Amino acid sequence: MADIAVIAPPGSFLASLGACLDAFVVVRAQVEQLFAPSEGLKLEARLHLLTEDGQPVRLADGRRLPCDGAWGGTRPYGLIHIANFRVGSATALDERLAACEPLGHWLRARKAEGTLISASGSALFLLAAAGLVDGMAIPLSRPLTPLCRERFPRLPVDPRRGVVEEGGLILGAGPAAEPALMVRLIERVFSAEAGRWLAAVTGVDRVVEDRLSGDPMVANAQVWLEMHFAQDIRIADLARSLSTSHQTLIRRFTRETGMGPKDYVQHLRIRAAQRLLGRTGRTIDQIAAMVGYRDPRSFRLVFRSHSGMSPTAWRRRATGPGPISHP
């Protein structure tokens, strides 16, 4: 899994930087806790807080926040996120856009390489100046809309949407949309299940890929299973946590999802294995153990049954000829 870069322009809002930093901290902890019983997975992918010169970023209130280095170069990133910053006057924005031309060149080069790029609030102006959002209807808060229309009169603004994803870009309207934006980024970088878990933690009322049941008990069961699927699971423990009987849980779960809880766990394990095969260099036996299978042979049989091919064939199709990174 490639590293993540968070770009902190001068005048960045601490809340915007914190939303991204905190989201990845809590999700990293959840992912590592989920897989710890088998392989003790530690994600090697790191989040880097970057500025133009590698010096501490000056926040919107004038305080300084240490960073990890300078943006630039050809180091590969899976995601580059640009934080929301204080705009000030129209003249100050013009000066900022002129000073950020090198950043625009760097972002264009990274996007051409396939890097996912996201931005929040005023950072969308940097993408607009770089020509990266041409033809998109961008989400933007009302206070910033007049400036956008003045500086980028041909750029459509959609005030009804908080988050927009299109063409390798994920854009957030500003502070109020940042929790939902972080959920979307976690979905894309980690998994839909990790995004749903973050949504539950932050209170973001969003159903990822419409997979949660309309039955509240079953929906809670789905989330519980997604948080524990790589561990030894007893359906009786799940029923007890939901204050229902084993039989009632199975009946309602099967009615809503078309499969029983155990089959659902198997589905989650194979989905996780597919992601690990495509994104990491761990061996197939290691991945089998990580997602909850003690017997590698059983894992291979179940994987083929669900995927229509062996784990080796899946990895070959997912990764192509290039090198595979280790998590």
C-alpha atoms as a PDB file:
ATOM      1  CA  MET A   1       0.000   0.000   0.000  1.00  0.00           C
ATOM      2  CA  ALA A   2       1.523   3.318  -1.060  1.00  0.00           C
ATOM      3  CA  ASP A   3       2.120   6.169   1.366  1.00  0.00           C
ATOM      4  CA  ILE A   4      -0.272   9.080   1.829  1.00  0.00           C
ATOM      5  CA  ALA A   5       0.701  12.751   1.512  1.00  0.00           C
ATOM      6  CA  VAL A   6      -1.201  15.540   3.265  1.00  0.00           C
ATOM      7  CA  ILE A   7      -0.266  18.937   1.828  1.00  0.00           C
ATOM      8  CA  ALA A   8      -0.483  21.793   4.334  1.00  0.00           C
ATOM      9  CA  PRO A   9      -0.567  25.172   2.557  1.00  0.00           C
ATOM     10  CA  PRO A  10       0.320  28.271   4.609  1.00  0.00           C
ATOM     11  CA  GLY A  11      -2.684  29.304   6.688  1.00  0.00           C
ATOM     12  CA  SER A  12      -4.062  25.765   6.901  1.00  0.00           C
ATOM     13  CA  PHE A  13      -6.888  25.182   9.337  1.00  0.00           C
ATOM     14  CA  LEU A  14      -5.882  22.839  12.142  1.00  0.00           C
ATOM     15  CA  ALA A  15      -9.325  21.202  12.000  1.00  0.00           C
ATOM     16  CA  SER A  16      -8.827  20.336   8.331  1.00  0.00           C
ATOM     17  CA  LEU A  17      -5.400  18.825   8.889  1.00  0.00           C
ATOM     18  CA  GLY A  18      -6.621  17.079  12.020  1.00  0.00           C
ATOM     19  CA  ALA A  19      -9.626  15.534  10.276  1.00  0.00           C
ATOM     20  CA  CYS A  20      -7.311  13.729   7.865  1.00  0.00           C
ATOM     21  CA  LEU A  21      -4.587  12.846  10.354  1.00  0.00           C
ATOM     22  CA  ASP A  22      -7.055  11.547  12.942  1.00  0.00           C
ATOM     23  CA  ALA A  23      -9.063   9.535  10.404  1.00  0.00           C
ATOM     24  CA  PHE A  24      -6.014   7.595   9.308  1.00  0.00           C
ATOM     25  CA  VAL A  25      -4.816   7.106  12.893  1.00  0.00           C
ATOM     26  CA  VAL A  26      -8.061   5.489  14.047  1.00  0.00           C
ATOM     27  CA  VAL A  27      -8.494   3.396  10.900  1.00  0.00           C
ATOM     28  CA  ARG A  28      -4.879   2.211  11.009  1.00  0.00           C
ATOM     29  CA  ALA A  29      -5.422   1.112  14.612  1.00  0.00           C
ATOM     30  CA  GLN A  30      -8.624  -0.717  13.672  1.00  0.00           C
ATOM     31  CA  VAL A  31      -7.011  -2.489  10.711  1.00  0.00           C
ATOM     32  CA  GLU A  32      -4.026  -3.596  12.772  1.00  0.00           C
ATOM     33  CA  GLN A  33      -6.264  -4.753  15.626  1.00  0.00           C
ATOM     34  CA  LEU A  34      -8.428  -6.728  13.196  1.00  0.00           C
ATOM     35  CA  PHE A  35      -5.527  -8.724  11.788  1.00  0.00           C
ATOM     36  CA  ALA A  36      -3.336  -8.843  14.915  1.00  0.00           C
ATOM     37  CA  PRO A  37      -4.424 -12.275  16.194  1.00  0.00           C
ATOM     38  CA  SER A  38      -3.007 -14.025  13.129  1.00  0.00           C
ATOM     39  CA  GLU A  39      -0.046 -12.207  11.619  1.00  0.00           C
ATOM     40  CA  GLY A  40       0.290  -9.063  13.716  1.00  0.00           C
ATOM     41  CA  LEU A  41      -0.108  -6.910  10.616  1.00  0.00           C
ATOM     42  CA  LYS A  42       1.613  -3.533  10.836  1.00  0.00           C
ATOM     43  CA  LEU A  43       0.927  -1.241   7.924  1.00  0.00           C
ATOM     44  CA  GLU A  44       4.179   0.081   6.532  1.00  0.00           C
ATOM     45  CA  ALA A  45       2.330   2.730   4.536  1.00  0.00           C
ATOM     46  CA  ARG A  46       2.718   6.054   6.316  1.00  0.00           C
ATOM     47  CA  LEU A  47       0.977   9.391   6.263  1.00  0.00           C
ATOM     48  CA  HIS A  48       3.302  12.331   5.577  1.00  0.00           C
ATOM     49  CA  LEU A  49       2.452  15.934   6.456  1.00  0.00           C
ATOM     50  CA  LEU A  50       4.213  18.037   3.835  1.00  0.00           C
ATOM     51  CA  THR A  51       4.858  21.721   3.134  1.00  0.00           C
ATOM     52  CA  GLU A  52       6.562  23.525   0.268  1.00  0.00           C
ATOM     53  CA  ASP A  53       9.929  23.876   2.020  1.00  0.00           C
ATOM     54  CA  GLY A  54       9.724  21.144   4.628  1.00  0.00           C
ATOM     55  CA  GLN A  55       9.494  23.675   7.437  1.00  0.00           C
ATOM     56  CA  PRO A  56       6.650  23.752  10.011  1.00  0.00           C
ATOM     57  CA  VAL A  57       3.372  24.942   8.548  1.00  0.00           C
ATOM     58  CA  ARG A  58       1.966  28.271   9.709  1.00  0.00           C
ATOM     59  CA  LEU A  59      -1.632  27.584  10.681  1.00  0.00           C
ATOM     60  CA  ALA A  60      -4.565  29.951  10.202  1.00  0.00           C
ATOM     61  CA  ASP A  61      -4.098  31.418  13.700  1.00  0.00           C
ATOM     62  CA  GLY A  62      -0.345  31.895  13.262  1.00  0.00           C
ATOM     63  CA  ARG A  63       0.791  28.872  15.281  1.00  0.00           C
ATOM     64  CA  ARG A  64       3.389  26.542  13.825  1.00  0.00           C
ATOM     65  CA  LEU A  65       2.890  22.817  13.328  1.00  0.00           C
ATOM     66  CA  PRO A  66       5.854  20.499  12.619  1.00  0.00           C
ATOM     67  CA  CYS A  67       5.745  18.586   9.361  1.00  0.00           C
ATOM     68  CA  ASP A  68       7.505  15.560   7.891  1.00  0.00           C
ATOM     69  CA  GLY A  69       9.163  17.135   4.877  1.00  0.00           C
ATOM     70  CA  ALA A  70       8.603  18.905   1.584  1.00  0.00           C
ATOM     71  CA  TRP A  71       6.331  17.907  -1.254  1.00  0.00           C
ATOM     72  CA  GLY A  72       7.943  17.332  -4.639  1.00  0.00           C
ATOM     73  CA  GLY A  73      10.020  14.707  -6.382  1.00  0.00           C
ATOM     74  CA  THR A  74       8.788  11.424  -7.787  1.00  0.00           C
ATOM     75  CA  ARG A  75       8.132   9.480  -4.603  1.00  0.00           C
ATOM     76  CA  PRO A  76       4.970   7.413  -5.189  1.00  0.00           C
ATOM     77  CA  TYR A  77       1.870   8.176  -3.133  1.00  0.00           C
ATOM     78  CA  GLY A  78      -1.437   6.359  -3.168  1.00  0.00           C
ATOM     79  CA  LEU A  79      -3.245   9.550  -2.142  1.00  0.00           C
ATOM     80  CA  ILE A  80      -2.368  13.231  -2.021  1.00  0.00           C
ATOM     81  CA  HIS A  81      -4.755  15.329   0.066  1.00  0.00           C
ATOM     82  CA  ILE A  82      -4.656  19.141   0.267  1.00  0.00           C
ATOM     83  CA  ALA A  83      -6.039  20.748   3.407  1.00  0.00           C
ATOM     84  CA  ASN A  84      -8.469  23.642   3.609  1.00  0.00           C
ATOM     85  CA  PHE A  85      -6.743  26.964   4.336  1.00  0.00           C
ATOM     86  CA  ARG A  86      -7.645  30.548   5.265  1.00  0.00           C
ATOM     87  CA  VAL A  87      -8.115  32.570   2.090  1.00  0.00           C
ATOM     88  CA  GLY A  88      -8.145  36.149   3.375  1.00  0.00           C
ATOM     89  CA  SER A  89      -8.715  38.813   0.733  1.00  0.00           C
ATOM     90  CA  ALA A  90      -9.135  38.310  -2.999  1.00  0.00           C
ATOM     91  CA  THR A  91      -5.684  39.815  -3.477  1.00  0.00           C
ATOM     92  CA  ALA A  92      -4.220  37.348  -1.002  1.00  0.00           C
ATOM     93  CA  LEU A  93      -5.832  34.488  -2.927  1.00  0.00           C
ATOM     94  CA  ASP A  94      -4.314  35.728  -6.195  1.00  0.00           C
ATOM     95  CA  GLU A  95      -0.889  35.826  -4.550  1.00  0.00           C
ATOM     96  CA  ARG A  96      -1.407  32.352  -3.152  1.00  0.00           C
ATOM     97  CA  LEU A  97      -2.404  30.907  -6.536  1.00  0.00           C
ATOM     98  CA  ALA A  98       0.630  32.473  -8.199  1.00  0.00           C
ATOM     99  CA  ALA A  99       2.967  31.131  -5.499  1.00  0.00           C
ATOM    100  CA  CYS A 100       1.464  27.645  -5.812  1.00  0.00           C
ATOM    101  CA  GLU A 101       2.126  27.187  -9.536  1.00  0.00           C
ATOM    102  CA  PRO A 102       4.949  24.679  -8.794  1.00  0.00           C
ATOM    103  CA  LEU A 103       2.541  22.689  -6.642  1.00  0.00           C
ATOM    104  CA  GLY A 104       0.091  22.628  -9.541  1.00  0.00           C
ATOM    105  CA  HIS A 105       2.765  21.251 -11.888  1.00  0.00           C
ATOM    106  CA  TRP A 106       3.662  18.562  -9.354  1.00  0.00           C
ATOM    107  CA  LEU A 107       0.036  17.583  -8.819  1.00  0.00           C
ATOM    108  CA  ARG A 108      -0.591  17.292 -12.560  1.00  0.00           C
ATOM    109  CA  ALA A 109       2.397  14.987 -12.910  1.00  0.00           C
ATOM    110  CA  ARG A 110       1.268  12.822  -9.993  1.00  0.00           C
ATOM    111  CA  LYS A 111      -2.295  12.612 -11.303  1.00  0.00           C
ATOM    112  CA  ALA A 112      -0.979  11.560 -14.720  1.00  0.00           C
ATOM    113  CA  GLU A 113       0.737   8.677 -12.932  1.00  0.00           C
ATOM    114  CA  GLY A 114      -2.580   7.579 -11.443  1.00  0.00           C
ATOM    115  CA  THR A 115      -2.298   9.074  -7.959  1.00  0.00           C
ATOM    116  CA  LEU A 116      -5.625   9.795  -6.259  1.00  0.00           C
ATOM    117  CA  ILE A 117      -5.869  13.499  -5.375  1.00  0.00           C
ATOM    118  CA  SER A 118      -8.276  15.093  -2.916  1.00  0.00           C
ATOM    119  CA  ALA A 119      -8.842  18.593  -1.600  1.00  0.00           C
ATOM    120  CA  SER A 120     -11.103  20.380   0.851  1.00  0.00           C
ATOM    121  CA  GLY A 121     -12.688  23.838   0.699  1.00  0.00           C
ATOM    122  CA  SER A 122     -10.314  26.584  -0.431  1.00  0.00           C
ATOM    123  CA  ALA A 123      -7.789  23.973  -1.613  1.00  0.00           C
ATOM    124  CA  LEU A 124     -10.091  23.421  -4.585  1.00  0.00           C
ATOM    125  CA  PHE A 125      -8.853  26.791  -5.884  1.00  0.00           C
ATOM    126  CA  LEU A 126      -5.362  25.315  -6.153  1.00  0.00           C
ATOM    127  CA  LEU A 127      -6.681  22.446  -8.255  1.00  0.00           C
ATOM    128  CA  ALA A 128      -8.693  24.862 -10.393  1.00  0.00           C
ATOM    129  CA  ALA A 129      -5.612  27.013 -11.025  1.00  0.00           C
ATOM    130  CA  ALA A 130      -3.721  23.878 -12.038  1.00  0.00           C
ATOM    131  CA  GLY A 131      -6.447  22.947 -14.537  1.00  0.00           C
ATOM    132  CA  LEU A 132      -7.226  19.711 -12.743  1.00  0.00           C
ATOM    133  CA  VAL A 133     -10.961  20.280 -12.245  1.00  0.00           C
ATOM    134  CA  ASP A 134     -11.866  21.628 -15.687  1.00  0.00           C
ATOM    135  CA  GLY A 135     -15.355  20.494 -16.646  1.00  0.00           C
ATOM    136  CA  MET A 136     -16.262  19.350 -13.125  1.00  0.00           C
ATOM    137  CA  ALA A 137     -19.066  20.778 -11.031  1.00  0.00           C
ATOM    138  CA  ILE A 138     -17.176  21.289  -7.796  1.00  0.00           C
ATOM    139  CA  PRO A 139     -18.668  21.317  -4.294  1.00  0.00           C
ATOM    140  CA  LEU A 140     -17.976  24.573  -2.474  1.00  0.00           C
ATOM    141  CA  SER A 141     -19.275  26.346   0.618  1.00  0.00           C
ATOM    142  CA  ARG A 142     -21.336  29.487   0.086  1.00  0.00           C
ATOM    143  CA  PRO A 143     -18.720  31.962   1.429  1.00  0.00           C
ATOM    144  CA  LEU A 144     -16.191  30.757  -1.155  1.00  0.00           C
ATOM    145  CA  THR A 145     -18.571  30.634  -4.109  1.00  0.00           C
ATOM    146  CA  PRO A 146     -18.337  34.357  -5.060  1.00  0.00           C
ATOM    147  CA  LEU A 147     -14.541  34.163  -5.149  1.00  0.00           C
ATOM    148  CA  CYS A 148     -14.735  31.069  -7.316  1.00  0.00           C
ATOM    149  CA  ARG A 149     -17.093  32.726  -9.780  1.00  0.00           C
ATOM    150  CA  GLU A 150     -14.823  35.760  -9.965  1.00  0.00           C
ATOM    151  CA  ARG A 151     -11.558  33.874 -10.418  1.00  0.00           C
ATOM    152  CA  PHE A 152     -12.873  30.876 -12.366  1.00  0.00           C
ATOM    153  CA  PRO A 153     -16.056  32.052 -14.120  1.00  0.00           C
ATOM    154  CA  ARG A 154     -16.308  28.933 -16.317  1.00  0.00           C
ATOM    155  CA  LEU A 155     -16.027  26.506 -13.428  1.00  0.00           C
ATOM    156  CA  PRO A 156     -19.471  25.256 -12.346  1.00  0.00           C
ATOM    157  CA  VAL A 157     -20.226  25.048  -8.628  1.00  0.00           C
ATOM    158  CA  ASP A 158     -22.695  22.579  -7.140  1.00  0.00           C
ATOM    159  CA  PRO A 159     -23.607  23.829  -3.646  1.00  0.00           C
ATOM    160  CA  ARG A 160     -25.947  20.884  -3.035  1.00  0.00           C
ATOM    161  CA  ARG A 161     -23.187  18.285  -2.750  1.00  0.00           C
ATOM    162  CA  GLY A 162     -20.657  17.964   0.045  1.00  0.00           C
ATOM    163  CA  VAL A 163     -18.332  15.466  -1.664  1.00  0.00           C
ATOM    164  CA  VAL A 164     -17.724  14.858  -5.366  1.00  0.00           C
ATOM    165  CA  GLU A 165     -15.586  12.083  -6.849  1.00  0.00           C
ATOM    166  CA  GLU A 166     -14.679  12.089 -10.520  1.00  0.00           C
ATOM    167  CA  GLY A 167     -11.698  11.192 -12.668  1.00  0.00           C
ATOM    168  CA  GLY A 168      -9.266  10.402  -9.876  1.00  0.00           C
ATOM    169  CA  LEU A 169     -10.261  13.448  -7.833  1.00  0.00           C
ATOM    170  CA  ILE A 170     -12.207  13.529  -4.554  1.00  0.00           C
ATOM    171  CA  LEU A 171     -13.377  17.005  -3.574  1.00  0.00           C
ATOM    172  CA  GLY A 172     -14.974  18.236  -0.365  1.00  0.00           C
ATOM    173  CA  ALA A 173     -16.954  21.457   0.022  1.00  0.00           C
ATOM    174  CA  GLY A 174     -15.267  22.515   3.252  1.00  0.00           C
ATOM    175  CA  PRO A 175     -15.353  22.043   7.035  1.00  0.00           C
ATOM    176  CA  ALA A 176     -18.874  20.618   7.310  1.00  0.00           C
ATOM    177  CA  ALA A 177     -18.152  18.047   4.602  1.00  0.00           C
ATOM    178  CA  GLU A 178     -14.790  16.884   5.912  1.00  0.00           C
ATOM    179  CA  PRO A 179     -16.073  13.936   7.983  1.00  0.00           C
ATOM    180  CA  ALA A 180     -17.843  12.564   4.896  1.00  0.00           C
ATOM    181  CA  LEU A 181     -14.784  13.345   2.773  1.00  0.00           C
ATOM    182  CA  MET A 182     -12.573  11.378   5.155  1.00  0.00           C
ATOM    183  CA  VAL A 183     -14.966   8.425   4.979  1.00  0.00           C
ATOM    184  CA  ARG A 184     -14.731   8.495   1.183  1.00  0.00           C
ATOM    185  CA  LEU A 185     -10.924   8.658   1.275  1.00  0.00           C
ATOM    186  CA  ILE A 186     -10.749   5.739   3.710  1.00  0.00           C
ATOM    187  CA  GLU A 187     -13.025   3.729   1.408  1.00  0.00           C
ATOM    188  CA  ARG A 188     -10.710   4.338  -1.531  1.00  0.00           C
ATOM    189  CA  VAL A 189      -7.383   3.861   0.279  1.00  0.00           C
ATOM    190  CA  PHE A 190      -8.326   1.001   2.634  1.00  0.00           C
ATOM    191  CA  SER A 191     -11.735  -0.558   1.939  1.00  0.00           C
ATOM    192  CA  ALA A 192     -15.461   0.072   1.973  1.00  0.00           C
ATOM    193  CA  GLU A 193     -15.681  -1.723   5.319  1.00  0.00           C
ATOM    194  CA  ALA A 194     -13.034   0.550   6.853  1.00  0.00           C
ATOM    195  CA  GLY A 195     -14.949   3.561   5.528  1.00  0.00           C
ATOM    196  CA  ARG A 196     -18.158   2.285   7.046  1.00  0.00           C
ATOM    197  CA  TRP A 197     -16.409   1.750  10.380  1.00  0.00           C
ATOM    198  CA  LEU A 198     -15.072   5.319  10.317  1.00  0.00           C
ATOM    199  CA  ALA A 199     -18.553   6.566   9.457  1.00  0.00           C
ATOM    200  CA  ALA A 200     -19.895   4.793  12.524  1.00  0.00           C
ATOM    201  CA  VAL A 201     -17.152   6.240  14.734  1.00  0.00           C
ATOM    202  CA  THR A 202     -17.632   9.802  13.472  1.00  0.00           C
ATOM    203  CA  GLY A 203     -21.415   9.661  13.228  1.00  0.00           C
ATOM    204  CA  VAL A 204     -21.451  10.209   9.480  1.00  0.00           C
ATOM    205  CA  ASP A 205     -24.811   8.818   8.375  1.00  0.00           C
ATOM    206  CA  ARG A 206     -23.787   7.227   5.116  1.00  0.00           C
ATOM    207  CA  VAL A 207     -24.433   3.751   3.758  1.00  0.00           C
ATOM    208  CA  VAL A 208     -21.405   2.535   1.850  1.00  0.00           C
ATOM    209  CA  GLU A 209     -22.326   0.933  -1.480  1.00  0.00           C
ATOM    210  CA  ASP A 210     -25.873   0.406  -0.164  1.00  0.00           C
ATOM    211  CA  ARG A 211     -24.834  -2.885   1.423  1.00  0.00           C
ATOM    212  CA  LEU A 212     -26.235  -2.288   4.891  1.00  0.00           C
ATOM    213  CA  SER A 213     -29.613  -3.792   5.616  1.00  0.00           C
ATOM    214  CA  GLY A 214     -32.646  -1.687   6.335  1.00  0.00           C
ATOM    215  CA  ASP A 215     -33.232  -3.848   9.411  1.00  0.00           C
ATOM    216  CA  PRO A 216     -31.315  -2.061  12.222  1.00  0.00           C
ATOM    217  CA  MET A 217     -30.426  -5.281  13.991  1.00  0.00           C
ATOM    218  CA  VAL A 218     -29.049  -6.852  10.812  1.00  0.00           C
ATOM    219  CA  ALA A 219     -27.179  -3.656   9.922  1.00  0.00           C
ATOM    220  CA  ASN A 220     -25.535  -3.679  13.349  1.00  0.00           C
ATOM    221  CA  ALA A 221     -24.659  -7.335  12.854  1.00  0.00           C
ATOM    222  CA  GLN A 222     -23.037  -6.544   9.502  1.00  0.00           C
ATOM    223  CA  VAL A 223     -20.903  -3.804  11.048  1.00  0.00           C
ATOM    224  CA  TRP A 224     -19.914  -6.088  13.969  1.00  0.00           C
ATOM    225  CA  LEU A 225     -18.883  -8.858  11.589  1.00  0.00           C
ATOM    226  CA  GLU A 226     -16.887  -6.427   9.449  1.00  0.00           C
ATOM    227  CA  MET A 227     -14.943  -5.408  12.560  1.00  0.00           C
ATOM    228  CA  HIS A 228     -14.183  -8.998  13.636  1.00  0.00           C
ATOM    229  CA  PHE A 229     -14.227 -11.193  10.516  1.00  0.00           C
ATOM    230  CA  ALA A 230     -10.516 -12.097  10.653  1.00  0.00           C
ATOM    231  CA  GLN A 231     -10.837 -13.392  14.206  1.00  0.00           C
ATOM    232  CA  ASP A 232     -12.429 -16.507  15.642  1.00  0.00           C
ATOM    233  CA  ILE A 233     -16.134 -15.654  15.593  1.00  0.00           C
ATOM    234  CA  ARG A 234     -18.963 -17.277  17.477  1.00  0.00           C
ATOM    235  CA  ILE A 235     -22.371 -16.287  16.184  1.00  0.00           C
ATOM    236  CA  ALA A 236     -23.672 -16.761  19.721  1.00  0.00           C
ATOM    237  CA  ASP A 237     -21.386 -13.919  20.856  1.00  0.00           C
ATOM    238  CA  LEU A 238     -22.766 -11.692  18.111  1.00  0.00           C
ATOM    239  CA  ALA A 239     -26.353 -12.525  19.070  1.00  0.00           C
ATOM    240  CA  ARG A 240     -25.579 -11.772  22.703  1.00  0.00           C
ATOM    241  CA  SER A 241     -24.056  -8.393  21.805  1.00  0.00           C
ATOM    242  CA  LEU A 242     -27.257  -7.546  19.923  1.00  0.00           C
ATOM    243  CA  SER A 243     -29.494  -8.768  22.765  1.00  0.00           C
ATOM    244  CA  THR A 244     -31.259 -11.299  20.558  1.00  0.00           C
ATOM    245  CA  SER A 245     -31.425 -15.052  20.225  1.00  0.00           C
ATOM    246  CA  HIS A 246     -29.183 -17.110  17.965  1.00  0.00           C
ATOM    247  CA  GLN A 247     -32.185 -18.309  15.941  1.00  0.00           C
ATOM    248  CA  THR A 248     -33.692 -14.830  15.521  1.00  0.00           C
ATOM    249  CA  LEU A 249     -30.385 -13.415  14.356  1.00  0.00           C
ATOM    250  CA  ILE A 250     -29.883 -16.116  11.733  1.00  0.00           C
ATOM    251  CA  ARG A 251     -33.473 -15.846  10.484  1.00  0.00           C
ATOM    252  CA  ARG A 252     -33.472 -12.071  10.095  1.00  0.00           C
ATOM    253  CA  PHE A 253     -29.900 -11.908   8.779  1.00  0.00           C
ATOM    254  CA  THR A 254     -30.615 -14.522   6.102  1.00  0.00           C
ATOM    255  CA  ARG A 255     -33.866 -12.829   5.126  1.00  0.00           C
ATOM    256  CA  GLU A 256     -32.146  -9.452   4.672  1.00  0.00           C
ATOM    257  CA  THR A 257     -28.842 -10.453   3.079  1.00  0.00           C
ATOM    258  CA  GLY A 258     -29.611 -13.731   1.342  1.00  0.00           C
ATOM    259  CA  MET A 259     -26.952 -15.553   3.354  1.00  0.00           C
ATOM    260  CA  GLY A 260     -26.347 -16.590   6.939  1.00  0.00           C
ATOM    261  CA  PRO A 261     -23.849 -14.830   9.219  1.00  0.00           C
ATOM    262  CA  LYS A 262     -21.187 -17.517   8.690  1.00  0.00           C
ATOM    263  CA  ASP A 263     -21.447 -17.219   4.908  1.00  0.00           C
ATOM    264  CA  TYR A 264     -21.275 -13.438   5.279  1.00  0.00           C
ATOM    265  CA  VAL A 265     -18.037 -13.794   7.266  1.00  0.00           C
ATOM    266  CA  GLN A 266     -16.628 -16.003   4.513  1.00  0.00           C
ATOM    267  CA  HIS A 267     -17.623 -13.341   1.962  1.00  0.00           C
ATOM    268  CA  LEU A 268     -15.804 -10.647   3.984  1.00  0.00           C
ATOM    269  CA  ARG A 269     -12.710 -12.801   4.363  1.00  0.00           C
ATOM    270  CA  ILE A 270     -12.425 -13.457   0.632  1.00  0.00           C
ATOM    271  CA  ARG A 271     -12.945  -9.758  -0.175  1.00  0.00           C
ATOM    272  CA  ALA A 272     -10.171  -8.868   2.266  1.00  0.00           C
ATOM    273  CA  ALA A 273      -7.911 -11.545   0.774  1.00  0.00           C
ATOM    274  CA  GLN A 274      -8.506 -10.167  -2.712  1.00  0.00           C
ATOM    275  CA  ARG A 275      -7.450  -6.699  -1.570  1.00  0.00           C
ATOM    276  CA  LEU A 276      -4.338  -8.043   0.175  1.00  0.00           C
ATOM    277  CA  LEU A 277      -3.363 -10.089  -2.869  1.00  0.00           C
ATOM    278  CA  GLY A 278      -3.612  -7.025  -5.069  1.00  0.00           C
ATOM    279  CA  ARG A 279      -1.965  -4.516  -2.736  1.00  0.00           C
ATOM    280  CA  THR A 280       0.708  -6.412  -0.797  1.00  0.00           C
ATOM    281  CA  GLY A 281       3.536  -8.853  -1.317  1.00  0.00           C
ATOM    282  CA  ARG A 282       2.557 -11.159   1.541  1.00  0.00           C
ATOM    283  CA  THR A 283       2.517 -14.854   0.722  1.00  0.00           C
ATOM    284  CA  ILE A 284      -0.762 -16.617   0.080  1.00  0.00           C
ATOM    285  CA  ASP A 285      -0.376 -18.652   3.279  1.00  0.00           C
ATOM    286  CA  GLN A 286       0.212 -15.460   5.270  1.00  0.00           C
ATOM    287  CA  ILE A 287      -2.871 -13.839   3.748  1.00  0.00           C
ATOM    288  CA  ALA A 288      -4.926 -16.946   4.495  1.00  0.00           C
ATOM    289  CA  ALA A 289      -3.967 -16.670   8.167  1.00  0.00           C
ATOM    290  CA  MET A 290      -4.525 -12.921   8.242  1.00  0.00           C
ATOM    291  CA  VAL A 291      -8.131 -13.183   7.059  1.00  0.00           C
ATOM    292  CA  GLY A 292      -8.982 -15.998   9.433  1.00  0.00           C
ATOM    293  CA  TYR A 293      -8.122 -19.333   7.760  1.00  0.00           C
ATOM    294  CA  ARG A 294      -5.840 -21.632   9.747  1.00  0.00           C
ATOM    295  CA  ASP A 295      -5.655 -24.163   6.923  1.00  0.00           C
ATOM    296  CA  PRO A 296      -4.149 -22.687   3.702  1.00  0.00           C
ATOM    297  CA  ARG A 297      -5.611 -25.522   1.639  1.00  0.00           C
ATOM    298  CA  SER A 298      -9.140 -24.702   2.837  1.00  0.00           C
ATOM    299  CA  PHE A 299      -8.508 -21.045   2.038  1.00  0.00           C
ATOM    300  CA  ARG A 300      -7.480 -21.877  -1.517  1.00  0.00           C
ATOM    301  CA  LEU A 301     -10.588 -24.003  -2.056  1.00  0.00           C
ATOM    302  CA  VAL A 302     -12.933 -21.342  -0.671  1.00  0.00           C
ATOM    303  CA  PHE A 303     -11.147 -18.599  -2.608  1.00  0.00           C
ATOM    304  CA  ARG A 304     -11.513 -20.462  -5.894  1.00  0.00           C
ATOM    305  CA  SER A 305     -15.180 -21.170  -5.152  1.00  0.00           C
ATOM    306  CA  HIS A 306     -15.907 -17.477  -4.543  1.00  0.00           C
ATOM    307  CA  SER A 307     -13.569 -15.898  -7.106  1.00  0.00           C
ATOM    308  CA  GLY A 308     -13.579 -18.401  -9.935  1.00  0.00           C
ATOM    309  CA  MET A 309      -9.776 -18.585  -9.905  1.00  0.00           C
ATOM    310  CA  SER A 310      -6.883 -19.412  -7.626  1.00  0.00           C
ATOM    311  CA  PRO A 311      -5.289 -16.788  -5.343  1.00  0.00           C
ATOM    312  CA  THR A 312      -2.189 -16.822  -7.554  1.00  0.00           C
ATOM    313  CA  ALA A 313      -4.231 -16.117 -10.672  1.00  0.00           C
ATOM    314  CA  TRP A 314      -6.125 -13.360  -8.872  1.00  0.00           C
ATOM    315  CA  ARG A 315      -2.881 -11.688  -7.810  1.00  0.00           C
ATOM    316  CA  ARG A 316      -1.485 -11.940 -11.334  1.00  0.00           C
ATOM    317  CA  ARG A 317      -4.607 -10.320 -12.788  1.00  0.00           C
ATOM    318  CA  ALA A 318      -4.789  -7.615 -10.088  1.00  0.00           C
ATOM    319  CA  THR A 319      -1.142  -6.537 -10.098  1.00  0.00           C
ATOM    320  CA  GLY A 320       0.142  -7.133 -13.598  1.00  0.00           C
ATOM    321  CA  PRO A 321       3.888  -7.315 -14.167  1.00  0.00           C
ATOM    322  CA  GLY A 322       4.892  -4.533 -11.753  1.00  0.00           C
ATOM    323  CA  PRO A 323       6.373  -4.934  -8.272  1.00  0.00           C
ATOM    324  CA  ILE A 324       4.134  -5.417  -5.245  1.00  0.00           C
ATOM    325  CA  SER A 325       4.596  -3.337  -2.113  1.00  0.00           C
ATOM    326  CA  HIS A 326       4.532  -4.815   1.379  1.00  0.00           C
ATOM    327  CA  PRO A 327       1.997  -3.415   3.859  1.00  0.00           C
END
